Amino acid sequence: MDADSLSRLLDRHGPALVLYARQWCASPEDVVQEAFVRLAGQPEQPDDPVGWLYRVVRNGAINAARSAGRRARREATVAWHGEPWFLPSPEDRLDAAAAAEALAGLPIHERETIVARLWGGLAFDQIAQLAGSSTSTVHRWYQQGLKTLRERLGAACRATKNP
């Protein structure tokens, strides 16, 4: 297939193919691009290039969604089996596994704030700068995250000014 024919097909059907692929995957533009690359590499032009493109885009989008799902499951598994967040100690009254699970269950902005504050020793203004937010918002995230952790762990954490 010559470049002009490919260009016309892309101009005429590209946006619709991207919309079609978006039903299945998060990277529809990549799937459509790959379909056109595959079409350009065909030794003979298909009888119905538009129908061929839709079939290839559909299959590619479904494969991309499956791949993304496998990758997400694999990353979640690897992340879960990583190093523990807490090292259990006999004198601790805190269950390290339960604390790690509760911390992992927080929204990312609350978890990031708590980890940066408690383990990183950062001030709220430093965390705000990292998060691209205001100091008051970061403090609110910190307070909400601690409240949620207390509820999930069923423990009354002592309130301190310097954790």
N, C-alpha and C. Protein backbone atom coordinates (compact mmCIF):
# COMPACT_ATOMS: atom_id res chain seq x y z
N MET A 1 0.85 -1.17 0.00
CA MET A 1 0.00 0.00 0.00
C MET A 1 0.90 1.24 0.00
N ASP A 2 0.59 2.19 -0.85
CA ASP A 2 1.42 3.39 -0.96
C ASP A 2 1.09 4.39 0.15
N ALA A 3 1.98 5.34 0.32
CA ALA A 3 1.87 6.32 1.41
C ALA A 3 0.64 7.20 1.28
N ASP A 4 0.27 7.56 0.06
CA ASP A 4 -0.91 8.41 -0.12
C ASP A 4 -2.18 7.69 0.30
N SER A 5 -2.29 6.41 -0.04
CA SER A 5 -3.48 5.64 0.35
C SER A 5 -3.55 5.51 1.87
N LEU A 6 -2.40 5.25 2.49
CA LEU A 6 -2.37 5.16 3.96
C LEU A 6 -2.76 6.49 4.59
N SER A 7 -2.25 7.58 4.03
CA SER A 7 -2.56 8.90 4.55
C SER A 7 -4.05 9.20 4.46
N ARG A 8 -4.65 8.86 3.34
CA ARG A 8 -6.10 9.08 3.17
C ARG A 8 -6.90 8.23 4.15
N LEU A 9 -6.49 6.97 4.32
CA LEU A 9 -7.19 6.10 5.28
C LEU A 9 -7.07 6.66 6.70
N LEU A 10 -5.88 7.12 7.05
CA LEU A 10 -5.67 7.66 8.38
C LEU A 10 -6.50 8.92 8.59
N ASP A 11 -6.51 9.82 7.61
CA ASP A 11 -7.29 11.05 7.73
C ASP A 11 -8.78 10.76 7.84
N ARG A 12 -9.25 9.83 7.05
CA ARG A 12 -10.68 9.54 6.99
C ARG A 12 -11.15 8.68 8.18
N HIS A 13 -10.35 7.71 8.60
CA HIS A 13 -10.84 6.74 9.59
C HIS A 13 -10.08 6.76 10.92
N GLY A 14 -8.98 7.49 10.99
CA GLY A 14 -8.17 7.50 12.21
C GLY A 14 -8.93 7.90 13.47
N PRO A 15 -9.60 9.05 13.46
CA PRO A 15 -10.32 9.46 14.69
C PRO A 15 -11.39 8.45 15.12
N ALA A 16 -12.10 7.90 14.16
CA ALA A 16 -13.14 6.91 14.50
C ALA A 16 -12.51 5.63 15.04
N LEU A 17 -11.37 5.24 14.49
CA LEU A 17 -10.67 4.06 15.00
C LEU A 17 -10.18 4.28 16.43
N VAL A 18 -9.69 5.48 16.72
CA VAL A 18 -9.25 5.79 18.09
C VAL A 18 -10.44 5.70 19.04
N LEU A 19 -11.56 6.28 18.65
CA LEU A 19 -12.77 6.21 19.47
C LEU A 19 -13.21 4.76 19.66
N TYR A 20 -13.12 3.98 18.62
CA TYR A 20 -13.49 2.57 18.67
C TYR A 20 -12.58 1.81 19.64
N ALA A 21 -11.29 2.05 19.58
CA ALA A 21 -10.33 1.36 20.45
C ALA A 21 -10.48 1.80 21.90
N ARG A 22 -10.92 3.02 22.12
CA ARG A 22 -11.04 3.56 23.47
C ARG A 22 -12.02 2.76 24.32
N GLN A 23 -12.90 2.01 23.70
CA GLN A 23 -13.85 1.18 24.43
C GLN A 23 -13.16 0.12 25.27
N TRP A 24 -11.98 -0.32 24.83
CA TRP A 24 -11.31 -1.44 25.48
C TRP A 24 -10.03 -1.08 26.22
N CYS A 25 -9.34 -0.05 25.78
CA CYS A 25 -8.01 0.18 26.36
C CYS A 25 -7.77 1.65 26.64
N ALA A 26 -6.71 1.89 27.40
CA ALA A 26 -6.35 3.24 27.79
C ALA A 26 -5.36 3.90 26.83
N SER A 27 -4.88 3.16 25.85
CA SER A 27 -3.91 3.72 24.90
C SER A 27 -4.40 3.50 23.46
N PRO A 28 -5.55 4.06 23.11
CA PRO A 28 -6.12 3.79 21.79
C PRO A 28 -5.29 4.31 20.63
N GLU A 29 -4.60 5.44 20.84
CA GLU A 29 -3.79 5.99 19.76
C GLU A 29 -2.66 5.04 19.38
N ASP A 30 -2.06 4.41 20.38
CA ASP A 30 -0.99 3.45 20.11
C ASP A 30 -1.50 2.25 19.33
N VAL A 31 -2.68 1.79 19.68
CA VAL A 31 -3.27 0.63 19.01
C VAL A 31 -3.56 0.96 17.54
N VAL A 32 -4.10 2.13 17.30
CA VAL A 32 -4.41 2.54 15.92
C VAL A 32 -3.12 2.72 15.13
N GLN A 33 -2.13 3.33 15.74
CA GLN A 33 -0.85 3.49 15.04
C GLN A 33 -0.27 2.13 14.67
N GLU A 34 -0.30 1.19 15.60
CA GLU A 34 0.22 -0.15 15.32
C GLU A 34 -0.56 -0.82 14.19
N ALA A 35 -1.87 -0.60 14.14
CA ALA A 35 -2.67 -1.18 13.06
C ALA A 35 -2.25 -0.62 11.71
N PHE A 36 -2.00 0.68 11.64
CA PHE A 36 -1.58 1.27 10.38
C PHE A 36 -0.17 0.80 9.99
N VAL A 37 0.69 0.62 10.97
CA VAL A 37 2.03 0.09 10.68
C VAL A 37 1.91 -1.33 10.12
N ARG A 38 1.04 -2.12 10.72
CA ARG A 38 0.84 -3.49 10.23
C ARG A 38 0.25 -3.48 8.82
N LEU A 39 -0.67 -2.55 8.56
CA LEU A 39 -1.27 -2.44 7.22
C LEU A 39 -0.20 -2.08 6.20
N ALA A 40 0.67 -1.15 6.57
CA ALA A 40 1.73 -0.74 5.64
C ALA A 40 2.69 -1.88 5.36
N GLY A 41 2.84 -2.81 6.29
CA GLY A 41 3.76 -3.92 6.11
C GLY A 41 3.14 -5.14 5.43
N GLN A 42 1.86 -5.09 5.11
CA GLN A 42 1.21 -6.22 4.46
C GLN A 42 1.76 -6.39 3.04
N PRO A 43 2.08 -7.64 2.67
CA PRO A 43 2.60 -7.85 1.31
C PRO A 43 1.55 -7.53 0.23
N GLU A 44 0.29 -7.78 0.55
CA GLU A 44 -0.80 -7.43 -0.38
C GLU A 44 -1.86 -6.66 0.39
N GLN A 45 -2.46 -5.67 -0.28
CA GLN A 45 -3.50 -4.88 0.36
C GLN A 45 -4.73 -5.76 0.61
N PRO A 46 -5.32 -5.69 1.80
CA PRO A 46 -6.54 -6.46 2.07
C PRO A 46 -7.66 -6.01 1.14
N ASP A 47 -8.60 -6.91 0.91
CA ASP A 47 -9.74 -6.58 0.04
C ASP A 47 -10.54 -5.41 0.60
N ASP A 48 -10.72 -5.39 1.91
CA ASP A 48 -11.45 -4.32 2.58
C ASP A 48 -10.55 -3.71 3.64
N PRO A 49 -9.72 -2.73 3.29
CA PRO A 49 -8.75 -2.19 4.25
C PRO A 49 -9.41 -1.58 5.49
N VAL A 50 -10.56 -0.95 5.32
CA VAL A 50 -11.23 -0.35 6.47
C VAL A 50 -11.71 -1.43 7.44
N GLY A 51 -12.35 -2.45 6.92
CA GLY A 51 -12.79 -3.56 7.77
C GLY A 51 -11.60 -4.25 8.43
N TRP A 52 -10.52 -4.41 7.67
CA TRP A 52 -9.30 -5.02 8.20
C TRP A 52 -8.76 -4.18 9.36
N LEU A 53 -8.72 -2.85 9.17
CA LEU A 53 -8.23 -1.96 10.23
C LEU A 53 -9.08 -2.07 11.50
N TYR A 54 -10.39 -2.09 11.33
CA TYR A 54 -11.26 -2.21 12.51
C TYR A 54 -11.01 -3.53 13.24
N ARG A 55 -10.86 -4.61 12.51
CA ARG A 55 -10.60 -5.91 13.15
C ARG A 55 -9.26 -5.90 13.88
N VAL A 56 -8.24 -5.36 13.24
CA VAL A 56 -6.91 -5.31 13.86
C VAL A 56 -6.92 -4.37 15.07
N VAL A 57 -7.61 -3.25 14.97
CA VAL A 57 -7.70 -2.31 16.09
C VAL A 57 -8.46 -2.95 17.25
N ARG A 58 -9.54 -3.63 16.96
CA ARG A 58 -10.30 -4.29 18.02
C ARG A 58 -9.44 -5.32 18.74
N ASN A 59 -8.80 -6.19 17.97
CA ASN A 59 -7.95 -7.21 18.57
C ASN A 59 -6.79 -6.59 19.35
N GLY A 60 -6.19 -5.55 18.79
CA GLY A 60 -5.08 -4.89 19.46
C GLY A 60 -5.52 -4.20 20.75
N ALA A 61 -6.69 -3.59 20.74
CA ALA A 61 -7.20 -2.91 21.93
C ALA A 61 -7.52 -3.91 23.03
N ILE A 62 -8.12 -5.02 22.68
CA ILE A 62 -8.42 -6.06 23.67
C ILE A 62 -7.13 -6.62 24.24
N ASN A 63 -6.16 -6.87 23.37
CA ASN A 63 -4.86 -7.36 23.85
C ASN A 63 -4.18 -6.34 24.76
N ALA A 64 -4.26 -5.06 24.41
CA ALA A 64 -3.65 -4.01 25.24
C ALA A 64 -4.33 -3.95 26.61
N ALA A 65 -5.64 -4.10 26.63
CA ALA A 65 -6.36 -4.08 27.91
C ALA A 65 -5.98 -5.29 28.76
N ARG A 66 -5.88 -6.44 28.14
CA ARG A 66 -5.47 -7.65 28.88
C ARG A 66 -4.05 -7.48 29.42
N SER A 67 -3.18 -6.95 28.60
CA SER A 67 -1.79 -6.74 29.01
C SER A 67 -1.73 -5.76 30.17
N ALA A 68 -2.49 -4.68 30.10
CA ALA A 68 -2.51 -3.70 31.18
C ALA A 68 -3.04 -4.33 32.47
N GLY A 69 -4.05 -5.17 32.35
CA GLY A 69 -4.58 -5.86 33.52
C GLY A 69 -3.57 -6.80 34.14
N ARG A 70 -2.87 -7.56 33.29
CA ARG A 70 -1.83 -8.46 33.81
C ARG A 70 -0.72 -7.67 34.48
N ARG A 71 -0.33 -6.56 33.86
CA ARG A 71 0.73 -5.74 34.42
C ARG A 71 0.29 -5.16 35.77
N ALA A 72 -0.94 -4.70 35.87
CA ALA A 72 -1.43 -4.13 37.13
C ALA A 72 -1.47 -5.21 38.22
N ARG A 73 -1.93 -6.41 37.88
CA ARG A 73 -1.96 -7.50 38.87
C ARG A 73 -0.55 -7.88 39.28
N ARG A 74 0.36 -7.96 38.32
CA ARG A 74 1.75 -8.32 38.63
C ARG A 74 2.40 -7.25 39.51
N GLU A 75 2.18 -5.99 39.19
CA GLU A 75 2.76 -4.91 39.99
C GLU A 75 2.16 -4.89 41.40
N ALA A 76 0.86 -5.16 41.50
CA ALA A 76 0.24 -5.21 42.82
C ALA A 76 0.81 -6.36 43.64
N THR A 77 1.03 -7.49 42.99
CA THR A 77 1.60 -8.65 43.68
C THR A 77 3.02 -8.36 44.13
N VAL A 78 3.81 -7.79 43.26
CA VAL A 78 5.19 -7.48 43.59
C VAL A 78 5.24 -6.43 44.70
N ALA A 79 4.40 -5.43 44.62
CA ALA A 79 4.39 -4.39 45.64
C ALA A 79 3.97 -4.96 46.98
N TRP A 80 3.03 -5.87 46.99
CA TRP A 80 2.54 -6.44 48.24
C TRP A 80 3.61 -7.31 48.90
N HIS A 81 4.43 -7.98 48.10
CA HIS A 81 5.45 -8.87 48.65
C HIS A 81 6.80 -8.17 48.84
N GLY A 82 6.77 -6.86 48.79
CA GLY A 82 8.01 -6.12 48.97
C GLY A 82 8.43 -6.10 50.43
N GLU A 83 9.35 -5.23 50.72
CA GLU A 83 9.84 -5.10 52.07
C GLU A 83 8.71 -4.61 52.98
N PRO A 84 8.68 -5.07 54.21
CA PRO A 84 7.64 -4.60 55.13
C PRO A 84 7.85 -3.13 55.49
N TRP A 85 6.76 -2.45 55.73
CA TRP A 85 6.83 -1.04 56.09
C TRP A 85 7.27 -0.89 57.54
N PHE A 86 6.92 -1.87 58.35
CA PHE A 86 7.23 -1.82 59.77
C PHE A 86 8.00 -3.07 60.14
N LEU A 87 8.96 -2.93 61.02
CA LEU A 87 9.67 -4.08 61.55
C LEU A 87 9.05 -4.40 62.90
N PRO A 88 8.45 -5.59 63.03
CA PRO A 88 7.80 -5.91 64.30
C PRO A 88 8.83 -6.02 65.43
N SER A 89 8.39 -5.61 66.58
CA SER A 89 9.24 -5.65 67.76
C SER A 89 8.40 -6.19 68.91
N PRO A 90 8.96 -7.03 69.76
CA PRO A 90 8.18 -7.63 70.85
C PRO A 90 7.56 -6.59 71.78
N GLU A 91 8.21 -5.44 71.96
CA GLU A 91 7.66 -4.45 72.88
C GLU A 91 6.61 -3.55 72.23
N ASP A 92 6.44 -3.66 70.92
CA ASP A 92 5.44 -2.85 70.23
C ASP A 92 4.04 -3.37 70.51
N ARG A 93 3.14 -2.43 70.68
CA ARG A 93 1.74 -2.81 70.82
C ARG A 93 1.04 -2.74 69.47
N LEU A 94 1.75 -2.37 68.43
CA LEU A 94 1.19 -2.20 67.10
C LEU A 94 1.46 -3.45 66.26
N ASP A 95 0.42 -4.00 65.66
CA ASP A 95 0.58 -5.13 64.75
C ASP A 95 1.11 -4.60 63.43
N ALA A 96 2.35 -4.94 63.10
CA ALA A 96 3.02 -4.39 61.92
C ALA A 96 2.26 -4.71 60.63
N ALA A 97 1.78 -5.93 60.49
CA ALA A 97 1.07 -6.31 59.26
C ALA A 97 -0.23 -5.53 59.13
N ALA A 98 -0.96 -5.39 60.23
CA ALA A 98 -2.22 -4.65 60.20
C ALA A 98 -1.97 -3.17 59.90
N ALA A 99 -0.91 -2.63 60.49
CA ALA A 99 -0.57 -1.22 60.25
C ALA A 99 -0.19 -1.00 58.79
N ALA A 100 0.61 -1.90 58.23
CA ALA A 100 1.00 -1.77 56.82
C ALA A 100 -0.21 -1.87 55.91
N GLU A 101 -1.11 -2.79 56.22
CA GLU A 101 -2.32 -2.94 55.41
C GLU A 101 -3.20 -1.70 55.51
N ALA A 102 -3.35 -1.18 56.73
CA ALA A 102 -4.16 0.02 56.91
C ALA A 102 -3.54 1.21 56.18
N LEU A 103 -2.24 1.35 56.26
CA LEU A 103 -1.55 2.44 55.58
C LEU A 103 -1.68 2.30 54.07
N ALA A 104 -1.54 1.09 53.55
CA ALA A 104 -1.67 0.86 52.11
C ALA A 104 -3.08 1.14 51.62
N GLY A 105 -4.06 1.05 52.51
CA GLY A 105 -5.45 1.29 52.12
C GLY A 105 -5.85 2.75 52.09
N LEU A 106 -4.96 3.63 52.53
CA LEU A 106 -5.27 5.06 52.51
C LEU A 106 -5.18 5.60 51.09
N PRO A 107 -5.90 6.69 50.79
CA PRO A 107 -5.70 7.36 49.50
C PRO A 107 -4.24 7.81 49.38
N ILE A 108 -3.73 7.84 48.20
CA ILE A 108 -2.32 8.10 47.97
C ILE A 108 -1.86 9.41 48.59
N HIS A 109 -2.67 10.47 48.51
CA HIS A 109 -2.23 11.75 49.05
C HIS A 109 -2.10 11.70 50.57
N GLU A 110 -2.99 10.97 51.25
CA GLU A 110 -2.89 10.84 52.70
C GLU A 110 -1.70 9.96 53.07
N ARG A 111 -1.53 8.85 52.37
CA ARG A 111 -0.41 7.95 52.66
C ARG A 111 0.92 8.65 52.43
N GLU A 112 1.04 9.36 51.32
CA GLU A 112 2.27 10.08 51.01
C GLU A 112 2.58 11.11 52.09
N THR A 113 1.56 11.81 52.56
CA THR A 113 1.75 12.83 53.59
C THR A 113 2.20 12.20 54.90
N ILE A 114 1.56 11.11 55.30
CA ILE A 114 1.91 10.45 56.57
C ILE A 114 3.32 9.88 56.52
N VAL A 115 3.66 9.23 55.43
CA VAL A 115 5.00 8.65 55.32
C VAL A 115 6.06 9.75 55.30
N ALA A 116 5.81 10.81 54.55
CA ALA A 116 6.79 11.91 54.48
C ALA A 116 6.94 12.59 55.84
N ARG A 117 5.85 12.71 56.57
CA ARG A 117 5.90 13.38 57.87
C ARG A 117 6.52 12.49 58.94
N LEU A 118 6.01 11.28 59.08
CA LEU A 118 6.46 10.41 60.17
C LEU A 118 7.81 9.76 59.90
N TRP A 119 8.01 9.22 58.72
CA TRP A 119 9.26 8.52 58.44
C TRP A 119 10.29 9.41 57.78
N GLY A 120 9.82 10.38 57.02
CA GLY A 120 10.75 11.28 56.36
C GLY A 120 11.13 12.47 57.21
N GLY A 121 10.31 12.77 58.23
CA GLY A 121 10.59 13.90 59.09
C GLY A 121 10.40 15.25 58.43
N LEU A 122 9.65 15.29 57.34
CA LEU A 122 9.45 16.56 56.63
C LEU A 122 8.40 17.41 57.32
N ALA A 123 8.57 18.69 57.21
CA ALA A 123 7.59 19.64 57.73
C ALA A 123 6.43 19.73 56.75
N PHE A 124 5.29 20.23 57.24
CA PHE A 124 4.11 20.31 56.39
C PHE A 124 4.34 21.22 55.18
N ASP A 125 5.10 22.28 55.34
CA ASP A 125 5.36 23.15 54.19
C ASP A 125 6.23 22.44 53.14
N GLN A 126 7.14 21.58 53.59
CA GLN A 126 7.95 20.80 52.64
C GLN A 126 7.08 19.78 51.89
N ILE A 127 6.19 19.13 52.63
CA ILE A 127 5.30 18.15 52.00
C ILE A 127 4.37 18.86 51.03
N ALA A 128 3.90 20.04 51.41
CA ALA A 128 3.01 20.81 50.52
C ALA A 128 3.72 21.14 49.22
N GLN A 129 4.98 21.50 49.32
CA GLN A 129 5.74 21.82 48.11
C GLN A 129 5.89 20.57 47.23
N LEU A 130 6.18 19.42 47.85
CA LEU A 130 6.31 18.17 47.10
C LEU A 130 5.01 17.79 46.41
N ALA A 131 3.90 17.96 47.15
CA ALA A 131 2.59 17.53 46.63
C ALA A 131 1.95 18.57 45.72
N GLY A 132 2.54 19.76 45.67
CA GLY A 132 1.96 20.82 44.84
C GLY A 132 0.63 21.29 45.41
N SER A 133 0.57 21.39 46.72
CA SER A 133 -0.67 21.77 47.39
C SER A 133 -0.34 22.79 48.47
N SER A 134 -1.37 23.22 49.20
CA SER A 134 -1.15 24.18 50.27
C SER A 134 -0.82 23.44 51.57
N THR A 135 -0.19 24.16 52.47
CA THR A 135 0.16 23.59 53.77
C THR A 135 -1.09 23.15 54.52
N SER A 136 -2.13 23.95 54.46
CA SER A 136 -3.36 23.60 55.17
C SER A 136 -4.01 22.34 54.60
N THR A 137 -3.95 22.18 53.30
CA THR A 137 -4.50 20.97 52.68
C THR A 137 -3.70 19.75 53.08
N VAL A 138 -2.39 19.87 53.08
CA VAL A 138 -1.53 18.76 53.48
C VAL A 138 -1.78 18.39 54.95
N HIS A 139 -1.93 19.39 55.79
CA HIS A 139 -2.22 19.13 57.20
C HIS A 139 -3.56 18.41 57.34
N ARG A 140 -4.53 18.82 56.57
CA ARG A 140 -5.85 18.16 56.58
C ARG A 140 -5.72 16.70 56.14
N TRP A 141 -4.93 16.44 55.09
CA TRP A 141 -4.71 15.06 54.63
C TRP A 141 -4.07 14.23 55.74
N TYR A 142 -3.10 14.83 56.43
CA TYR A 142 -2.40 14.16 57.51
C TYR A 142 -3.37 13.80 58.63
N GLN A 143 -4.16 14.78 59.04
CA GLN A 143 -5.13 14.54 60.12
C GLN A 143 -6.16 13.49 59.72
N GLN A 144 -6.65 13.56 58.49
CA GLN A 144 -7.65 12.59 58.03
C GLN A 144 -7.03 11.20 57.93
N GLY A 145 -5.82 11.11 57.45
CA GLY A 145 -5.14 9.82 57.34
C GLY A 145 -4.92 9.19 58.71
N LEU A 146 -4.48 10.00 59.68
CA LEU A 146 -4.29 9.47 61.03
C LEU A 146 -5.61 9.02 61.64
N LYS A 147 -6.65 9.78 61.41
CA LYS A 147 -7.98 9.41 61.92
C LYS A 147 -8.41 8.07 61.33
N THR A 148 -8.23 7.91 60.04
CA THR A 148 -8.60 6.66 59.38
C THR A 148 -7.77 5.50 59.91
N LEU A 149 -6.46 5.73 60.10
CA LEU A 149 -5.60 4.68 60.65
C LEU A 149 -6.05 4.29 62.05
N ARG A 150 -6.39 5.25 62.88
CA ARG A 150 -6.86 4.96 64.23
C ARG A 150 -8.12 4.10 64.18
N GLU A 151 -9.04 4.46 63.27
CA GLU A 151 -10.28 3.70 63.15
C GLU A 151 -10.01 2.27 62.67
N ARG A 152 -9.17 2.13 61.68
CA ARG A 152 -8.88 0.81 61.11
C ARG A 152 -8.10 -0.08 62.07
N LEU A 153 -7.22 0.54 62.84
CA LEU A 153 -6.40 -0.24 63.76
C LEU A 153 -7.06 -0.41 65.13
N GLY A 154 -8.13 0.34 65.34
CA GLY A 154 -8.83 0.22 66.61
C GLY A 154 -7.98 0.64 67.79
N ALA A 155 -7.10 1.57 67.57
CA ALA A 155 -6.19 1.99 68.63
C ALA A 155 -6.25 3.50 68.78
N ALA A 156 -6.15 3.92 69.99
CA ALA A 156 -6.07 5.36 70.25
C ALA A 156 -4.61 5.75 70.20
N CYS A 157 -4.22 6.40 69.15
CA CYS A 157 -2.83 6.84 69.04
C CYS A 157 -2.65 8.07 69.90
N ARG A 158 -1.52 8.14 70.57
CA ARG A 158 -1.30 9.31 71.40
C ARG A 158 -1.00 10.50 70.52
N ALA A 159 -1.52 11.61 70.91
CA ALA A 159 -1.31 12.84 70.15
C ALA A 159 -0.03 13.48 70.61
N THR A 160 0.86 13.72 69.68
CA THR A 160 2.12 14.36 70.00
C THR A 160 2.38 15.47 69.00
N LYS A 161 3.15 16.42 69.43
CA LYS A 161 3.51 17.49 68.50
C LYS A 161 4.66 17.06 67.62
N ASN A 162 5.55 16.23 68.14
CA ASN A 162 6.69 15.73 67.37
C ASN A 162 6.61 14.21 67.30
N PRO A 163 6.07 13.68 66.21
CA PRO A 163 5.96 12.21 66.12
C PRO A 163 7.31 11.57 65.98
